[in-house]
Amino acid sequence: MKALANAILLLALLVAFSRLYLQVHWPSDVAAGGLVAMFWTSIVTVFVSRFQRSARSR
């Protein structure tokens, strides 16, 4: 599972770098996209862990 997460993270970083290298986005746009992705991932992680805990307690 960790290998998959690392591969996905590497792919996201490569895409972000390519956007900057090809100059199709401003650096602030790429940074904002990364922050939004981290925020969304943390929200989904919290809700999934709470759902799994509640499912185990039934």
PDB file of N, CA and C in Angstrom:
ATOM      1  N   MET A   1       0.821  -1.200   0.000  1.00  0.00           N
ATOM      2  CA  MET A   1       0.000   0.000   0.000  1.00  0.00           C
ATOM      3  C   MET A   1       0.864   1.262   0.000  1.00  0.00           C
ATOM      4  N   LYS A   2       1.954   1.216   0.789  1.00  0.00           N
ATOM      5  CA  LYS A   2       2.827   2.391   0.819  1.00  0.00           C
ATOM      6  C   LYS A   2       3.511   2.625  -0.525  1.00  0.00           C
ATOM      7  N   ALA A   3       3.830   1.551  -1.220  1.00  0.00           N
ATOM      8  CA  ALA A   3       4.473   1.702  -2.522  1.00  0.00           C
ATOM      9  C   ALA A   3       3.527   2.395  -3.493  1.00  0.00           C
ATOM     10  N   LEU A   4       2.254   2.056  -3.438  1.00  0.00           N
ATOM     11  CA  LEU A   4       1.266   2.698  -4.301  1.00  0.00           C
ATOM     12  C   LEU A   4       1.126   4.178  -3.955  1.00  0.00           C
ATOM     13  N   ALA A   5       1.071   4.495  -2.672  1.00  0.00           N
ATOM     14  CA  ALA A   5       0.963   5.893  -2.246  1.00  0.00           C
ATOM     15  C   ALA A   5       2.189   6.688  -2.695  1.00  0.00           C
ATOM     16  N   ASN A   6       3.358   6.081  -2.578  1.00  0.00           N
ATOM     17  CA  ASN A   6       4.583   6.760  -3.019  1.00  0.00           C
ATOM     18  C   ASN A   6       4.592   6.973  -4.528  1.00  0.00           C
ATOM     19  N   ALA A   7       4.101   5.992  -5.270  1.00  0.00           N
ATOM     20  CA  ALA A   7       4.051   6.122  -6.728  1.00  0.00           C
ATOM     21  C   ALA A   7       3.085   7.229  -7.139  1.00  0.00           C
ATOM     22  N   ILE A   8       1.944   7.312  -6.464  1.00  0.00           N
ATOM     23  CA  ILE A   8       0.972   8.361  -6.767  1.00  0.00           C
ATOM     24  C   ILE A   8       1.545   9.734  -6.429  1.00  0.00           C
ATOM     25  N   LEU A   9       2.222   9.841  -5.296  1.00  0.00           N
ATOM     26  CA  LEU A   9       2.844  11.108  -4.915  1.00  0.00           C
ATOM     27  C   LEU A   9       3.909  11.513  -5.920  1.00  0.00           C
ATOM     28  N   LEU A  10       4.724  10.571  -6.352  1.00  0.00           N
ATOM     29  CA  LEU A  10       5.757  10.862  -7.348  1.00  0.00           C
ATOM     30  C   LEU A  10       5.129  11.327  -8.663  1.00  0.00           C
ATOM     31  N   LEU A  11       4.061  10.683  -9.074  1.00  0.00           N
ATOM     32  CA  LEU A  11       3.377  11.078 -10.307  1.00  0.00           C
ATOM     33  C   LEU A  11       2.826  12.506 -10.186  1.00  0.00           C
ATOM     34  N   ALA A  12       2.224  12.826  -9.050  1.00  0.00           N
ATOM     35  CA  ALA A  12       1.692  14.174  -8.847  1.00  0.00           C
ATOM     36  C   ALA A  12       2.804  15.219  -8.884  1.00  0.00           C
ATOM     37  N   LEU A  13       3.941  14.916  -8.274  1.00  0.00           N
ATOM     38  CA  LEU A  13       5.058  15.850  -8.288  1.00  0.00           C
ATOM     39  C   LEU A  13       5.630  16.027  -9.696  1.00  0.00           C
ATOM     40  N   LEU A  14       5.683  14.943 -10.453  1.00  0.00           N
ATOM     41  CA  LEU A  14       6.166  15.037 -11.830  1.00  0.00           C
ATOM     42  C   LEU A  14       5.224  15.872 -12.695  1.00  0.00           C
ATOM     43  N   VAL A  15       3.940  15.705 -12.505  1.00  0.00           N
ATOM     44  CA  VAL A  15       2.974  16.504 -13.264  1.00  0.00           C
ATOM     45  C   VAL A  15       3.115  17.976 -12.894  1.00  0.00           C
ATOM     46  N   ALA A  16       3.235  18.265 -11.593  1.00  0.00           N
ATOM     47  CA  ALA A  16       3.403  19.655 -11.154  1.00  0.00           C
ATOM     48  C   ALA A  16       4.675  20.256 -11.747  1.00  0.00           C
ATOM     49  N   PHE A  17       5.762  19.493 -11.708  1.00  0.00           N
ATOM     50  CA  PHE A  17       7.014  19.988 -12.280  1.00  0.00           C
ATOM     51  C   PHE A  17       6.871  20.230 -13.779  1.00  0.00           C
ATOM     52  N   SER A  18       6.186  19.320 -14.471  1.00  0.00           N
ATOM     53  CA  SER A  18       6.035  19.490 -15.918  1.00  0.00           C
ATOM     54  C   SER A  18       5.213  20.735 -16.249  1.00  0.00           C
ATOM     55  N   ARG A  19       4.218  21.034 -15.433  1.00  0.00           N
ATOM     56  CA  ARG A  19       3.412  22.245 -15.642  1.00  0.00           C
ATOM     57  C   ARG A  19       4.288  23.492 -15.525  1.00  0.00           C
ATOM     58  N   LEU A  20       5.214  23.473 -14.562  1.00  0.00           N
ATOM     59  CA  LEU A  20       6.121  24.614 -14.394  1.00  0.00           C
ATOM     60  C   LEU A  20       7.161  24.651 -15.516  1.00  0.00           C
ATOM     61  N   TYR A  21       7.708  23.492 -15.854  1.00  0.00           N
ATOM     62  CA  TYR A  21       8.753  23.425 -16.877  1.00  0.00           C
ATOM     63  C   TYR A  21       8.231  23.881 -18.235  1.00  0.00           C
ATOM     64  N   LEU A  22       7.019  23.470 -18.559  1.00  0.00           N
ATOM     65  CA  LEU A  22       6.433  23.843 -19.850  1.00  0.00           C
ATOM     66  C   LEU A  22       5.829  25.247 -19.827  1.00  0.00           C
ATOM     67  N   GLN A  23       5.838  25.861 -18.675  1.00  0.00           N
ATOM     68  CA  GLN A  23       5.336  27.220 -18.462  1.00  0.00           C
ATOM     69  C   GLN A  23       3.880  27.373 -18.890  1.00  0.00           C
ATOM     70  N   VAL A  24       3.064  26.383 -18.522  1.00  0.00           N
ATOM     71  CA  VAL A  24       1.635  26.481 -18.825  1.00  0.00           C
ATOM     72  C   VAL A  24       0.831  26.940 -17.605  1.00  0.00           C
ATOM     73  N   HIS A  25       1.489  27.000 -16.436  1.00  0.00           N
ATOM     74  CA  HIS A  25       0.842  27.504 -15.222  1.00  0.00           C
ATOM     75  C   HIS A  25       1.842  28.363 -14.450  1.00  0.00           C
ATOM     76  N   TRP A  26       1.313  29.305 -13.702  1.00  0.00           N
ATOM     77  CA  TRP A  26       2.150  30.077 -12.797  1.00  0.00           C
ATOM     78  C   TRP A  26       2.521  29.203 -11.601  1.00  0.00           C
ATOM     79  N   PRO A  27       3.683  29.450 -10.975  1.00  0.00           N
ATOM     80  CA  PRO A  27       4.051  28.677  -9.781  1.00  0.00           C
ATOM     81  C   PRO A  27       3.012  28.783  -8.661  1.00  0.00           C
ATOM     82  N   SER A  28       2.391  29.942  -8.538  1.00  0.00           N
ATOM     83  CA  SER A  28       1.363  30.089  -7.496  1.00  0.00           C
ATOM     84  C   SER A  28       0.157  29.192  -7.778  1.00  0.00           C
ATOM     85  N   ASP A  29      -0.180  28.983  -9.050  1.00  0.00           N
ATOM     86  CA  ASP A  29      -1.287  28.087  -9.403  1.00  0.00           C
ATOM     87  C   ASP A  29      -0.960  26.644  -9.040  1.00  0.00           C
ATOM     88  N   VAL A  30       0.253  26.229  -9.316  1.00  0.00           N
ATOM     89  CA  VAL A  30       0.677  24.869  -9.001  1.00  0.00           C
ATOM     90  C   VAL A  30       0.706  24.672  -7.488  1.00  0.00           C
ATOM     91  N   ALA A  31       1.214  25.652  -6.758  1.00  0.00           N
ATOM     92  CA  ALA A  31       1.248  25.555  -5.292  1.00  0.00           C
ATOM     93  C   ALA A  31      -0.168  25.512  -4.716  1.00  0.00           C
ATOM     94  N   ALA A  32      -1.057  26.342  -5.239  1.00  0.00           N
ATOM     95  CA  ALA A  32      -2.440  26.346  -4.760  1.00  0.00           C
ATOM     96  C   ALA A  32      -3.111  25.005  -5.048  1.00  0.00           C
ATOM     97  N   GLY A  33      -2.863  24.435  -6.203  1.00  0.00           N
ATOM     98  CA  GLY A  33      -3.417  23.126  -6.530  1.00  0.00           C
ATOM     99  C   GLY A  33      -2.922  22.054  -5.579  1.00  0.00           C
ATOM    100  N   GLY A  34      -1.650  22.118  -5.227  1.00  0.00           N
ATOM    101  CA  GLY A  34      -1.094  21.164  -4.260  1.00  0.00           C
ATOM    102  C   GLY A  34      -1.715  21.314  -2.884  1.00  0.00           C
ATOM    103  N   LEU A  35      -1.931  22.565  -2.461  1.00  0.00           N
ATOM    104  CA  LEU A  35      -2.550  22.792  -1.155  1.00  0.00           C
ATOM    105  C   LEU A  35      -3.992  22.304  -1.127  1.00  0.00           C
ATOM    106  N   VAL A  36      -4.731  22.569  -2.190  1.00  0.00           N
ATOM    107  CA  VAL A  36      -6.115  22.092  -2.266  1.00  0.00           C
ATOM    108  C   VAL A  36      -6.142  20.563  -2.244  1.00  0.00           C
ATOM    109  N   ALA A  37      -5.240  19.931  -2.958  1.00  0.00           N
ATOM    110  CA  ALA A  37      -5.186  18.463  -2.978  1.00  0.00           C
ATOM    111  C   ALA A  37      -4.867  17.903  -1.599  1.00  0.00           C
ATOM    112  N   MET A  38      -3.924  18.529  -0.883  1.00  0.00           N
ATOM    113  CA  MET A  38      -3.598  18.061   0.470  1.00  0.00           C
ATOM    114  C   MET A  38      -4.771  18.260   1.426  1.00  0.00           C
ATOM    115  N   PHE A  39      -5.466  19.387   1.304  1.00  0.00           N
ATOM    116  CA  PHE A  39      -6.625  19.660   2.148  1.00  0.00           C
ATOM    117  C   PHE A  39      -7.714  18.625   1.894  1.00  0.00           C
ATOM    118  N   TRP A  40      -8.016  18.367   0.630  1.00  0.00           N
ATOM    119  CA  TRP A  40      -9.062  17.416   0.268  1.00  0.00           C
ATOM    120  C   TRP A  40      -8.692  15.994   0.729  1.00  0.00           C
ATOM    121  N   THR A  41      -7.444  15.624   0.553  1.00  0.00           N
ATOM    122  CA  THR A  41      -6.992  14.299   0.973  1.00  0.00           C
ATOM    123  C   THR A  41      -7.117  14.132   2.478  1.00  0.00           C
ATOM    124  N   SER A  42      -6.798  15.168   3.240  1.00  0.00           N
ATOM    125  CA  SER A  42      -6.913  15.060   4.694  1.00  0.00           C
ATOM    126  C   SER A  42      -8.372  14.946   5.130  1.00  0.00           C
ATOM    127  N   ILE A  43      -9.266  15.671   4.488  1.00  0.00           N
ATOM    128  CA  ILE A  43     -10.690  15.568   4.835  1.00  0.00           C
ATOM    129  C   ILE A  43     -11.212  14.167   4.533  1.00  0.00           C
ATOM    130  N   VAL A  44     -10.901  13.646   3.367  1.00  0.00           N
ATOM    131  CA  VAL A  44     -11.364  12.309   2.994  1.00  0.00           C
ATOM    132  C   VAL A  44     -10.781  11.265   3.940  1.00  0.00           C
ATOM    133  N   THR A  45      -9.521  11.399   4.315  1.00  0.00           N
ATOM    134  CA  THR A  45      -8.881  10.454   5.221  1.00  0.00           C
ATOM    135  C   THR A  45      -9.569  10.440   6.576  1.00  0.00           C
ATOM    136  N   VAL A  46      -9.903  11.615   7.106  1.00  0.00           N
ATOM    137  CA  VAL A  46     -10.582  11.694   8.398  1.00  0.00           C
ATOM    138  C   VAL A  46     -11.950  11.029   8.330  1.00  0.00           C
ATOM    139  N   PHE A  47     -12.718  11.314   7.301  1.00  0.00           N
ATOM    140  CA  PHE A  47     -14.051  10.722   7.195  1.00  0.00           C
ATOM    141  C   PHE A  47     -13.998   9.216   6.983  1.00  0.00           C
ATOM    142  N   VAL A  48     -13.059   8.737   6.192  1.00  0.00           N
ATOM    143  CA  VAL A  48     -12.943   7.295   5.976  1.00  0.00           C
ATOM    144  C   VAL A  48     -12.546   6.593   7.269  1.00  0.00           C
ATOM    145  N   SER A  49     -11.601   7.152   8.018  1.00  0.00           N
ATOM    146  CA  SER A  49     -11.184   6.503   9.269  1.00  0.00           C
ATOM    147  C   SER A  49     -12.325   6.499  10.276  1.00  0.00           C
ATOM    148  N   ARG A  50     -13.113   7.571  10.346  1.00  0.00           N
ATOM    149  CA  ARG A  50     -14.272   7.586  11.255  1.00  0.00           C
ATOM    150  C   ARG A  50     -15.316   6.573  10.826  1.00  0.00           C
ATOM    151  N   PHE A  51     -15.544   6.466   9.534  1.00  0.00           N
ATOM    152  CA  PHE A  51     -16.514   5.494   9.025  1.00  0.00           C
ATOM    153  C   PHE A  51     -16.066   4.077   9.346  1.00  0.00           C
ATOM    154  N   GLN A  52     -14.779   3.784   9.170  1.00  0.00           N
ATOM    155  CA  GLN A  52     -14.279   2.452   9.458  1.00  0.00           C
ATOM    156  C   GLN A  52     -14.385   2.123  10.942  1.00  0.00           C
ATOM    157  N   ARG A  53     -14.102   3.111  11.808  1.00  0.00           N
ATOM    158  CA  ARG A  53     -14.228   2.894  13.253  1.00  0.00           C
ATOM    159  C   ARG A  53     -15.671   2.606  13.643  1.00  0.00           C
ATOM    160  N   SER A  54     -16.602   3.362  13.086  1.00  0.00           N
ATOM    161  CA  SER A  54     -17.999   3.149  13.426  1.00  0.00           C
ATOM    162  C   SER A  54     -18.500   1.810  12.889  1.00  0.00           C
ATOM    163  N   ALA A  55     -17.997   1.378  11.744  1.00  0.00           N
ATOM    164  CA  ALA A  55     -18.397   0.094  11.183  1.00  0.00           C
ATOM    165  C   ALA A  55     -17.870  -1.063  12.030  1.00  0.00           C
ATOM    166  N   ARG A  56     -16.674  -0.896  12.593  1.00  0.00           N
ATOM    167  CA  ARG A  56     -16.097  -1.949  13.449  1.00  0.00           C
ATOM    168  C   ARG A  56     -16.837  -2.079  14.767  1.00  0.00           C
ATOM    169  N   SER A  57     -17.362  -0.974  15.275  1.00  0.00           N
ATOM    170  CA  SER A  57     -18.020  -1.011  16.591  1.00  0.00           C
ATOM    171  C   SER A  57     -19.429  -1.595  16.530  1.00  0.00           C
ATOM    172  N   ARG A  58     -19.967  -1.788  15.348  1.00  0.00           N
ATOM    173  CA  ARG A  58     -21.329  -2.368  15.237  1.00  0.00           C
ATOM    174  C   ARG A  58     -21.328  -3.843  15.420  1.00  0.00           C
TER     175      ARG A  58
END
